[in-house]
N, C-alpha and C. Protein backbone atom coordinates (compact mmCIF):
# COMPACT_ATOMS: atom_id res chain seq x y z
N MET A 1 -2.94 -20.83 -1.86
CA MET A 1 -4.03 -20.63 -0.93
C MET A 1 -4.00 -19.16 -0.49
N ILE A 2 -5.16 -18.63 -0.15
CA ILE A 2 -5.28 -17.23 0.26
C ILE A 2 -5.48 -17.16 1.78
N GLY A 3 -4.82 -16.17 2.40
CA GLY A 3 -5.00 -15.90 3.81
C GLY A 3 -5.23 -14.42 4.02
N ILE A 4 -5.77 -14.06 5.18
CA ILE A 4 -6.01 -12.66 5.53
C ILE A 4 -5.26 -12.40 6.83
N ILE A 5 -4.41 -11.39 6.82
CA ILE A 5 -3.59 -11.09 8.00
C ILE A 5 -4.48 -10.57 9.13
N THR A 6 -4.31 -11.17 10.31
CA THR A 6 -5.07 -10.76 11.49
C THR A 6 -4.18 -10.13 12.55
N ASP A 7 -2.87 -10.32 12.46
CA ASP A 7 -1.94 -9.77 13.44
C ASP A 7 -0.58 -9.61 12.78
N ALA A 8 -0.04 -8.40 12.80
CA ALA A 8 1.27 -8.14 12.19
C ALA A 8 2.29 -7.65 13.21
N MET A 9 1.99 -7.83 14.49
CA MET A 9 2.90 -7.37 15.56
C MET A 9 3.63 -8.59 16.15
N ASP A 10 4.62 -9.07 15.44
CA ASP A 10 5.39 -10.24 15.86
C ASP A 10 6.09 -9.96 17.19
N PRO A 11 5.79 -10.71 18.25
CA PRO A 11 6.41 -10.45 19.54
C PRO A 11 7.92 -10.69 19.54
N MET A 12 8.42 -11.43 18.55
CA MET A 12 9.86 -11.68 18.47
C MET A 12 10.55 -10.72 17.50
N GLY A 13 9.79 -9.83 16.85
CA GLY A 13 10.36 -8.85 15.94
C GLY A 13 10.98 -9.45 14.68
N ARG A 14 10.47 -10.59 14.24
CA ARG A 14 11.02 -11.26 13.06
C ARG A 14 10.21 -10.99 11.79
N GLY A 15 9.19 -10.13 11.87
CA GLY A 15 8.38 -9.81 10.70
C GLY A 15 7.33 -10.85 10.36
N ARG A 16 7.06 -11.76 11.29
CA ARG A 16 6.04 -12.79 11.05
C ARG A 16 4.64 -12.21 11.22
N VAL A 17 3.65 -12.91 10.71
CA VAL A 17 2.25 -12.49 10.81
C VAL A 17 1.39 -13.69 11.19
N ARG A 18 0.20 -13.39 11.71
CA ARG A 18 -0.81 -14.43 11.94
C ARG A 18 -1.91 -14.22 10.92
N LEU A 19 -2.57 -15.31 10.53
CA LEU A 19 -3.54 -15.28 9.44
C LEU A 19 -4.83 -15.97 9.80
N ARG A 20 -5.88 -15.57 9.09
CA ARG A 20 -7.12 -16.34 9.02
C ARG A 20 -7.15 -16.92 7.62
N ILE A 21 -7.40 -18.20 7.52
CA ILE A 21 -7.42 -18.87 6.22
C ILE A 21 -8.85 -19.31 5.94
N PRO A 22 -9.57 -18.60 5.05
CA PRO A 22 -10.98 -18.92 4.80
C PRO A 22 -11.22 -20.38 4.41
N ALA A 23 -10.29 -21.00 3.71
CA ALA A 23 -10.48 -22.39 3.29
C ALA A 23 -10.26 -23.39 4.43
N MET A 24 -9.76 -22.89 5.57
CA MET A 24 -9.51 -23.74 6.74
C MET A 24 -10.12 -23.07 7.96
N PRO A 25 -11.44 -23.15 8.13
CA PRO A 25 -12.11 -22.46 9.23
C PRO A 25 -11.53 -22.86 10.59
N GLY A 26 -11.54 -21.90 11.49
CA GLY A 26 -11.04 -22.14 12.85
C GLY A 26 -10.31 -20.92 13.36
N ALA A 27 -9.46 -21.13 14.31
CA ALA A 27 -8.71 -20.04 14.94
C ALA A 27 -7.65 -19.49 13.99
N ASP A 28 -7.06 -18.36 14.39
CA ASP A 28 -5.95 -17.80 13.63
C ASP A 28 -4.82 -18.81 13.54
N SER A 29 -3.99 -18.65 12.53
CA SER A 29 -2.86 -19.55 12.31
C SER A 29 -1.77 -19.34 13.36
N ALA A 30 -0.79 -20.21 13.31
CA ALA A 30 0.45 -19.97 14.04
C ALA A 30 1.16 -18.80 13.36
N TRP A 31 2.24 -18.32 13.93
CA TRP A 31 3.00 -17.24 13.29
C TRP A 31 3.59 -17.74 11.98
N ALA A 32 3.43 -16.96 10.91
CA ALA A 32 3.90 -17.33 9.58
C ALA A 32 5.06 -16.43 9.17
N LEU A 33 6.08 -17.03 8.57
CA LEU A 33 7.18 -16.26 8.01
C LEU A 33 6.70 -15.53 6.77
N THR A 34 7.35 -14.43 6.43
CA THR A 34 7.00 -13.69 5.21
C THR A 34 8.20 -13.65 4.28
N CYS A 35 7.95 -13.81 2.99
CA CYS A 35 8.99 -13.68 1.97
C CYS A 35 8.97 -12.25 1.44
N VAL A 36 10.13 -11.69 1.23
CA VAL A 36 10.21 -10.38 0.59
C VAL A 36 11.27 -10.48 -0.50
N PRO A 37 11.00 -9.90 -1.69
CA PRO A 37 11.97 -10.02 -2.78
C PRO A 37 13.28 -9.32 -2.47
N PHE A 38 13.21 -8.21 -1.78
CA PHE A 38 14.40 -7.45 -1.40
C PHE A 38 14.14 -6.83 -0.04
N GLY A 39 15.16 -6.71 0.77
CA GLY A 39 15.00 -6.05 2.07
C GLY A 39 15.15 -4.55 1.92
N GLY A 40 15.22 -3.86 3.03
CA GLY A 40 15.43 -2.43 3.02
C GLY A 40 14.13 -1.65 3.08
N PRO A 41 14.23 -0.33 2.97
CA PRO A 41 13.06 0.52 3.14
C PRO A 41 12.00 0.36 2.05
N ALA A 42 12.36 -0.19 0.90
CA ALA A 42 11.39 -0.35 -0.19
C ALA A 42 10.45 -1.52 0.06
N ALA A 43 10.80 -2.41 0.96
CA ALA A 43 9.97 -3.59 1.23
C ALA A 43 8.76 -3.18 2.08
N ALA A 44 7.56 -3.39 1.55
CA ALA A 44 6.34 -3.02 2.27
C ALA A 44 6.03 -4.09 3.32
N LYS A 45 5.74 -3.65 4.53
CA LYS A 45 5.39 -4.59 5.59
C LYS A 45 3.91 -4.92 5.49
N PRO A 46 3.56 -6.18 5.74
CA PRO A 46 2.15 -6.55 5.69
C PRO A 46 1.35 -5.89 6.79
N LYS A 47 0.07 -5.62 6.50
CA LYS A 47 -0.82 -4.96 7.46
C LYS A 47 -2.03 -5.85 7.72
N VAL A 48 -2.64 -5.64 8.88
CA VAL A 48 -3.87 -6.36 9.22
C VAL A 48 -4.90 -6.12 8.12
N SER A 49 -5.57 -7.14 7.71
CA SER A 49 -6.61 -7.21 6.67
C SER A 49 -6.05 -7.37 5.26
N ASP A 50 -4.73 -7.30 5.07
CA ASP A 50 -4.15 -7.59 3.75
C ASP A 50 -4.47 -9.03 3.37
N GLN A 51 -4.79 -9.24 2.09
CA GLN A 51 -4.96 -10.60 1.57
C GLN A 51 -3.62 -11.04 1.00
N VAL A 52 -3.19 -12.24 1.37
CA VAL A 52 -1.88 -12.73 0.97
C VAL A 52 -1.97 -14.14 0.41
N VAL A 53 -0.98 -14.49 -0.40
CA VAL A 53 -0.85 -15.85 -0.92
C VAL A 53 0.07 -16.61 0.02
N ILE A 54 -0.35 -17.80 0.43
CA ILE A 54 0.43 -18.56 1.40
C ILE A 54 0.75 -19.96 0.87
N ALA A 55 1.77 -20.54 1.46
CA ALA A 55 2.14 -21.93 1.17
C ALA A 55 2.48 -22.59 2.49
N PHE A 56 2.48 -23.91 2.49
CA PHE A 56 2.84 -24.68 3.67
C PHE A 56 4.21 -25.31 3.45
N GLU A 57 5.12 -25.08 4.38
CA GLU A 57 6.46 -25.64 4.27
C GLU A 57 6.39 -27.16 4.36
N ASN A 58 6.88 -27.83 3.33
CA ASN A 58 6.86 -29.30 3.25
C ASN A 58 5.46 -29.88 3.47
N GLY A 59 4.42 -29.13 3.08
CA GLY A 59 3.05 -29.60 3.22
C GLY A 59 2.50 -29.57 4.63
N ASP A 60 3.24 -29.01 5.58
CA ASP A 60 2.84 -28.97 6.99
C ASP A 60 2.01 -27.71 7.24
N SER A 61 0.72 -27.86 7.52
CA SER A 61 -0.17 -26.70 7.67
C SER A 61 0.14 -25.86 8.90
N SER A 62 1.01 -26.32 9.78
CA SER A 62 1.40 -25.51 10.94
C SER A 62 2.64 -24.66 10.63
N ARG A 63 3.23 -24.85 9.45
CA ARG A 63 4.43 -24.11 9.05
C ARG A 63 4.12 -23.30 7.80
N LEU A 64 3.55 -22.11 8.03
CA LEU A 64 3.09 -21.26 6.93
C LEU A 64 4.17 -20.29 6.48
N VAL A 65 4.13 -19.98 5.19
CA VAL A 65 4.99 -18.96 4.62
C VAL A 65 4.12 -18.06 3.75
N VAL A 66 4.21 -16.76 3.96
CA VAL A 66 3.50 -15.78 3.13
C VAL A 66 4.38 -15.48 1.93
N LEU A 67 3.87 -15.78 0.73
CA LEU A 67 4.65 -15.61 -0.49
C LEU A 67 4.51 -14.21 -1.09
N GLY A 68 3.39 -13.56 -0.86
CA GLY A 68 3.17 -12.24 -1.42
C GLY A 68 1.79 -11.71 -1.09
N LYS A 69 1.61 -10.43 -1.35
CA LYS A 69 0.34 -9.74 -1.08
C LYS A 69 -0.46 -9.61 -2.37
N LEU A 70 -1.77 -9.77 -2.27
CA LEU A 70 -2.64 -9.55 -3.42
C LEU A 70 -2.90 -8.05 -3.56
N ALA A 71 -2.81 -7.55 -4.77
CA ALA A 71 -3.07 -6.13 -5.01
C ALA A 71 -4.56 -5.86 -4.93
N GLY A 72 -4.88 -4.64 -4.49
CA GLY A 72 -6.29 -4.25 -4.48
C GLY A 72 -6.82 -4.06 -3.18
């Protein structure tokens, strides 16, 4: 599923983001965890308006995980 980042300023400093999911109209999502292949300075942080691929942990739509960013 595709999401669009609407907030990348995690108040807990854990690198989470909030999303708008076009296929699920309504308010922004809960805070979503982000996957990164490697940590460190080479890992690009997501930005507002980035399009990302998302999944739901154990099928629970309130537990989102960002799997990666779409190029372009």
